[in-house]
Amino acid sequence: MTKVSKRKTRLSFETDAEMRGWGSHTVEKKTLRRPVMRPIIIEVDNGFHGCVRLKGTRQTFDFSWEGLFLWAVEQKVMKERAEKKRIRDAKKKGRRV
């Protein structure tokens, strides 16, 4: 596996996930804004940071890989706690799990 910092070309990829963004179309010489679904693009700057944006837009949102990892760990812990609480509450009420 190649480290991102060793790559000579810029790494950018399009995900299957989509978010709603704004687009425009022209009707009778008027430009109207309307919501459109746009794929999420991930651009890797280096081995420590990256950014995400919606396809067809220029606005980017930076993130760190460490922060992404910590967020994923936090999400997993929250899911496990919720599952334990659901089981504990079901036992208190005398239900089977």
N, C-alpha and C. Protein backbone atom coordinates (compact mmCIF):
# COMPACT_ATOMS: atom_id res chain seq x y z
N MET A 1 0.84 -1.17 0.00
CA MET A 1 0.00 0.00 0.00
C MET A 1 0.89 1.24 0.00
N THR A 2 0.52 2.25 -0.78
CA THR A 2 1.30 3.48 -0.89
C THR A 2 0.76 4.54 0.05
N LYS A 3 1.66 5.22 0.75
CA LYS A 3 1.25 6.33 1.62
C LYS A 3 0.85 7.51 0.75
N VAL A 4 -0.10 8.29 1.24
CA VAL A 4 -0.57 9.46 0.50
C VAL A 4 0.57 10.45 0.27
N SER A 5 1.43 10.60 1.27
CA SER A 5 2.53 11.57 1.15
C SER A 5 3.54 11.17 0.07
N LYS A 6 3.58 9.91 -0.33
CA LYS A 6 4.53 9.44 -1.34
C LYS A 6 3.97 9.55 -2.76
N ARG A 7 2.67 9.83 -2.89
CA ARG A 7 2.06 9.92 -4.22
C ARG A 7 2.55 11.16 -4.97
N LYS A 8 2.71 11.02 -6.27
CA LYS A 8 3.13 12.15 -7.08
C LYS A 8 1.94 12.86 -7.70
N THR A 9 0.82 12.16 -7.80
CA THR A 9 -0.38 12.77 -8.38
C THR A 9 -1.38 13.09 -7.28
N ARG A 10 -2.22 14.04 -7.55
CA ARG A 10 -3.23 14.45 -6.60
C ARG A 10 -4.33 13.39 -6.52
N LEU A 11 -4.75 13.08 -5.32
CA LEU A 11 -5.77 12.06 -5.12
C LEU A 11 -7.12 12.73 -4.89
N SER A 12 -8.09 12.40 -5.73
CA SER A 12 -9.43 12.95 -5.63
C SER A 12 -10.40 11.88 -6.10
N PHE A 13 -11.49 11.68 -5.35
CA PHE A 13 -12.46 10.70 -5.79
C PHE A 13 -13.88 11.11 -5.45
N GLU A 14 -14.81 10.57 -6.23
CA GLU A 14 -16.23 10.86 -6.10
C GLU A 14 -16.89 9.70 -5.36
N THR A 15 -17.69 10.02 -4.36
CA THR A 15 -18.36 8.98 -3.59
C THR A 15 -19.75 8.71 -4.17
N ASP A 16 -20.37 7.64 -3.72
CA ASP A 16 -21.74 7.34 -4.12
C ASP A 16 -22.75 8.16 -3.32
N ALA A 17 -22.31 8.69 -2.18
CA ALA A 17 -23.20 9.48 -1.33
C ALA A 17 -23.52 10.81 -2.01
N GLU A 18 -24.74 11.27 -1.84
CA GLU A 18 -25.16 12.55 -2.42
C GLU A 18 -25.78 13.43 -1.35
N MET A 19 -25.60 14.73 -1.51
CA MET A 19 -26.20 15.73 -0.62
C MET A 19 -26.92 16.75 -1.49
N ARG A 20 -27.86 17.41 -0.87
CA ARG A 20 -28.60 18.44 -1.61
C ARG A 20 -27.79 19.73 -1.63
N GLY A 21 -27.60 20.27 -2.81
CA GLY A 21 -26.93 21.55 -3.00
C GLY A 21 -27.82 22.42 -3.87
N TRP A 22 -27.30 23.56 -4.26
CA TRP A 22 -28.08 24.47 -5.09
C TRP A 22 -27.56 24.47 -6.51
N GLY A 23 -28.48 24.50 -7.45
CA GLY A 23 -28.15 24.60 -8.87
C GLY A 23 -28.99 25.70 -9.48
N SER A 24 -28.80 25.94 -10.74
CA SER A 24 -29.60 26.98 -11.39
C SER A 24 -29.96 26.52 -12.79
N HIS A 25 -31.06 27.04 -13.26
CA HIS A 25 -31.45 26.81 -14.64
C HIS A 25 -32.13 28.07 -15.15
N THR A 26 -32.16 28.24 -16.45
CA THR A 26 -32.69 29.45 -17.06
C THR A 26 -34.07 29.18 -17.64
N VAL A 27 -35.00 30.05 -17.26
CA VAL A 27 -36.36 29.99 -17.80
C VAL A 27 -36.71 31.40 -18.27
N GLU A 28 -36.99 31.55 -19.55
CA GLU A 28 -37.36 32.84 -20.13
C GLU A 28 -36.39 33.96 -19.73
N LYS A 29 -35.10 33.72 -19.94
CA LYS A 29 -34.04 34.68 -19.68
C LYS A 29 -33.88 35.03 -18.19
N LYS A 30 -34.45 34.23 -17.30
CA LYS A 30 -34.27 34.42 -15.86
C LYS A 30 -33.53 33.20 -15.32
N THR A 31 -32.59 33.46 -14.44
CA THR A 31 -31.87 32.35 -13.80
C THR A 31 -32.55 32.06 -12.48
N LEU A 32 -33.00 30.83 -12.32
CA LEU A 32 -33.69 30.42 -11.10
C LEU A 32 -32.84 29.43 -10.33
N ARG A 33 -32.79 29.61 -9.01
CA ARG A 33 -32.08 28.66 -8.17
C ARG A 33 -33.03 27.55 -7.75
N ARG A 34 -32.50 26.32 -7.73
CA ARG A 34 -33.32 25.20 -7.30
C ARG A 34 -32.42 24.16 -6.63
N PRO A 35 -32.95 23.38 -5.70
CA PRO A 35 -32.13 22.36 -5.05
C PRO A 35 -31.87 21.19 -6.00
N VAL A 36 -30.64 20.68 -5.98
CA VAL A 36 -30.26 19.51 -6.79
C VAL A 36 -29.41 18.59 -5.93
N MET A 37 -29.43 17.30 -6.25
CA MET A 37 -28.60 16.33 -5.54
C MET A 37 -27.23 16.29 -6.21
N ARG A 38 -26.17 16.42 -5.39
CA ARG A 38 -24.81 16.44 -5.90
C ARG A 38 -23.96 15.39 -5.17
N PRO A 39 -23.12 14.66 -5.91
CA PRO A 39 -22.21 13.70 -5.26
C PRO A 39 -21.16 14.42 -4.41
N ILE A 40 -20.66 13.74 -3.39
CA ILE A 40 -19.62 14.28 -2.52
C ILE A 40 -18.26 13.91 -3.10
N ILE A 41 -17.37 14.90 -3.21
CA ILE A 41 -16.01 14.72 -3.72
C ILE A 41 -15.04 14.84 -2.55
N ILE A 42 -14.11 13.90 -2.44
CA ILE A 42 -13.07 13.95 -1.41
C ILE A 42 -11.74 14.20 -2.11
N GLU A 43 -11.04 15.23 -1.67
CA GLU A 43 -9.73 15.58 -2.23
C GLU A 43 -8.70 15.45 -1.12
N VAL A 44 -7.65 14.68 -1.37
CA VAL A 44 -6.62 14.45 -0.37
C VAL A 44 -5.47 15.41 -0.63
N ASP A 45 -5.19 16.28 0.33
CA ASP A 45 -4.10 17.25 0.18
C ASP A 45 -2.76 16.60 0.49
N ASN A 46 -2.69 15.95 1.63
CA ASN A 46 -1.45 15.28 2.04
C ASN A 46 -1.82 14.18 3.02
N GLY A 47 -0.86 13.62 3.71
CA GLY A 47 -1.12 12.52 4.62
C GLY A 47 -1.82 12.92 5.90
N PHE A 48 -2.02 14.22 6.12
CA PHE A 48 -2.61 14.68 7.37
C PHE A 48 -3.95 15.36 7.20
N HIS A 49 -4.21 15.94 6.04
CA HIS A 49 -5.43 16.71 5.83
C HIS A 49 -6.08 16.35 4.50
N GLY A 50 -7.35 16.66 4.41
CA GLY A 50 -8.09 16.51 3.18
C GLY A 50 -9.23 17.50 3.17
N CYS A 51 -10.03 17.50 2.12
CA CYS A 51 -11.19 18.37 2.10
C CYS A 51 -12.32 17.67 1.33
N VAL A 52 -13.52 18.08 1.64
CA VAL A 52 -14.69 17.54 0.95
C VAL A 52 -15.44 18.70 0.33
N ARG A 53 -16.13 18.42 -0.76
CA ARG A 53 -16.96 19.43 -1.42
C ARG A 53 -18.04 18.70 -2.21
N LEU A 54 -19.02 19.45 -2.66
CA LEU A 54 -20.04 18.90 -3.53
C LEU A 54 -19.60 19.08 -4.98
N LYS A 55 -19.87 18.09 -5.81
CA LYS A 55 -19.46 18.15 -7.21
C LYS A 55 -20.10 19.36 -7.88
N GLY A 56 -19.30 20.11 -8.62
CA GLY A 56 -19.80 21.29 -9.31
C GLY A 56 -19.76 22.55 -8.47
N THR A 57 -19.20 22.47 -7.26
CA THR A 57 -19.10 23.65 -6.41
C THR A 57 -17.63 23.90 -6.07
N ARG A 58 -17.35 25.09 -5.57
CA ARG A 58 -15.99 25.44 -5.20
C ARG A 58 -15.77 25.46 -3.69
N GLN A 59 -16.84 25.54 -2.93
CA GLN A 59 -16.72 25.63 -1.48
C GLN A 59 -16.24 24.30 -0.91
N THR A 60 -15.12 24.33 -0.17
CA THR A 60 -14.55 23.13 0.40
C THR A 60 -14.60 23.19 1.92
N PHE A 61 -14.58 22.02 2.54
CA PHE A 61 -14.57 21.89 3.98
C PHE A 61 -13.39 20.99 4.35
N ASP A 62 -12.44 21.56 5.08
CA ASP A 62 -11.22 20.83 5.44
C ASP A 62 -11.47 19.90 6.62
N PHE A 63 -10.70 18.82 6.68
CA PHE A 63 -10.75 17.90 7.80
C PHE A 63 -9.37 17.28 7.97
N SER A 64 -9.13 16.74 9.15
CA SER A 64 -7.88 16.01 9.38
C SER A 64 -8.23 14.53 9.47
N TRP A 65 -7.31 13.70 9.06
CA TRP A 65 -7.55 12.25 9.12
C TRP A 65 -7.66 11.79 10.57
N GLU A 66 -6.90 12.42 11.46
CA GLU A 66 -7.00 12.08 12.88
C GLU A 66 -8.39 12.42 13.42
N GLY A 67 -8.89 13.60 13.04
CA GLY A 67 -10.23 13.99 13.48
C GLY A 67 -11.30 13.07 12.94
N LEU A 68 -11.15 12.62 11.70
CA LEU A 68 -12.10 11.68 11.11
C LEU A 68 -12.09 10.36 11.87
N PHE A 69 -10.91 9.87 12.22
CA PHE A 69 -10.79 8.63 12.98
C PHE A 69 -11.45 8.77 14.35
N LEU A 70 -11.16 9.87 15.06
CA LEU A 70 -11.74 10.10 16.38
C LEU A 70 -13.26 10.21 16.31
N TRP A 71 -13.78 10.85 15.27
CA TRP A 71 -15.23 10.96 15.09
C TRP A 71 -15.85 9.57 14.90
N ALA A 72 -15.19 8.71 14.10
CA ALA A 72 -15.71 7.36 13.86
C ALA A 72 -15.70 6.55 15.14
N VAL A 73 -14.66 6.68 15.96
CA VAL A 73 -14.61 5.96 17.24
C VAL A 73 -15.74 6.43 18.14
N GLU A 74 -15.96 7.74 18.18
CA GLU A 74 -17.03 8.31 19.00
C GLU A 74 -18.40 7.78 18.57
N GLN A 75 -18.63 7.69 17.26
CA GLN A 75 -19.89 7.17 16.75
C GLN A 75 -20.10 5.71 17.17
N LYS A 76 -19.05 4.92 17.10
CA LYS A 76 -19.14 3.51 17.48
C LYS A 76 -19.47 3.37 18.96
N VAL A 77 -18.80 4.16 19.80
CA VAL A 77 -19.05 4.10 21.24
C VAL A 77 -20.50 4.50 21.54
N MET A 78 -20.99 5.53 20.87
CA MET A 78 -22.38 5.97 21.10
C MET A 78 -23.37 4.88 20.71
N LYS A 79 -23.12 4.16 19.59
CA LYS A 79 -24.00 3.08 19.17
C LYS A 79 -24.00 1.94 20.18
N GLU A 80 -22.80 1.60 20.69
CA GLU A 80 -22.70 0.52 21.67
C GLU A 80 -23.42 0.89 22.96
N ARG A 81 -23.28 2.13 23.41
CA ARG A 81 -23.98 2.58 24.62
C ARG A 81 -25.49 2.54 24.44
N ALA A 82 -25.95 2.98 23.29
CA ALA A 82 -27.40 2.97 23.02
C ALA A 82 -27.93 1.54 23.01
N GLU A 83 -27.17 0.62 22.44
CA GLU A 83 -27.60 -0.78 22.40
C GLU A 83 -27.65 -1.37 23.82
N LYS A 84 -26.64 -1.08 24.64
CA LYS A 84 -26.64 -1.56 26.03
C LYS A 84 -27.83 -0.98 26.80
N LYS A 85 -28.11 0.29 26.58
CA LYS A 85 -29.24 0.94 27.27
C LYS A 85 -30.56 0.31 26.83
N ARG A 86 -30.69 0.02 25.54
CA ARG A 86 -31.91 -0.60 25.04
C ARG A 86 -32.12 -1.98 25.68
N ILE A 87 -31.05 -2.75 25.78
CA ILE A 87 -31.14 -4.07 26.41
C ILE A 87 -31.46 -3.94 27.89
N ARG A 88 -30.81 -3.02 28.58
CA ARG A 88 -31.04 -2.81 30.01
C ARG A 88 -32.49 -2.39 30.27
N ASP A 89 -33.02 -1.47 29.46
CA ASP A 89 -34.40 -1.02 29.62
C ASP A 89 -35.39 -2.13 29.35
N ALA A 90 -35.08 -2.96 28.36
CA ALA A 90 -35.97 -4.09 28.03
C ALA A 90 -36.00 -5.08 29.17
N LYS A 91 -34.85 -5.33 29.82
CA LYS A 91 -34.81 -6.25 30.96
C LYS A 91 -35.61 -5.69 32.13
N LYS A 92 -35.54 -4.39 32.37
CA LYS A 92 -36.28 -3.76 33.46
C LYS A 92 -37.78 -3.92 33.27
N LYS A 93 -38.23 -3.87 32.03
CA LYS A 93 -39.66 -3.99 31.74
C LYS A 93 -40.09 -5.44 31.61
N GLY A 94 -39.15 -6.34 31.73
CA GLY A 94 -39.48 -7.77 31.67
C GLY A 94 -39.68 -8.30 30.28
N ARG A 95 -39.16 -7.63 29.29
CA ARG A 95 -39.29 -8.08 27.91
C ARG A 95 -38.09 -8.92 27.53
N ARG A 96 -38.29 -9.72 26.52
CA ARG A 96 -37.17 -10.48 25.97
C ARG A 96 -36.44 -9.60 24.97
N VAL A 97 -35.16 -9.81 24.83
CA VAL A 97 -34.37 -9.04 23.88
C VAL A 97 -34.04 -9.87 22.68
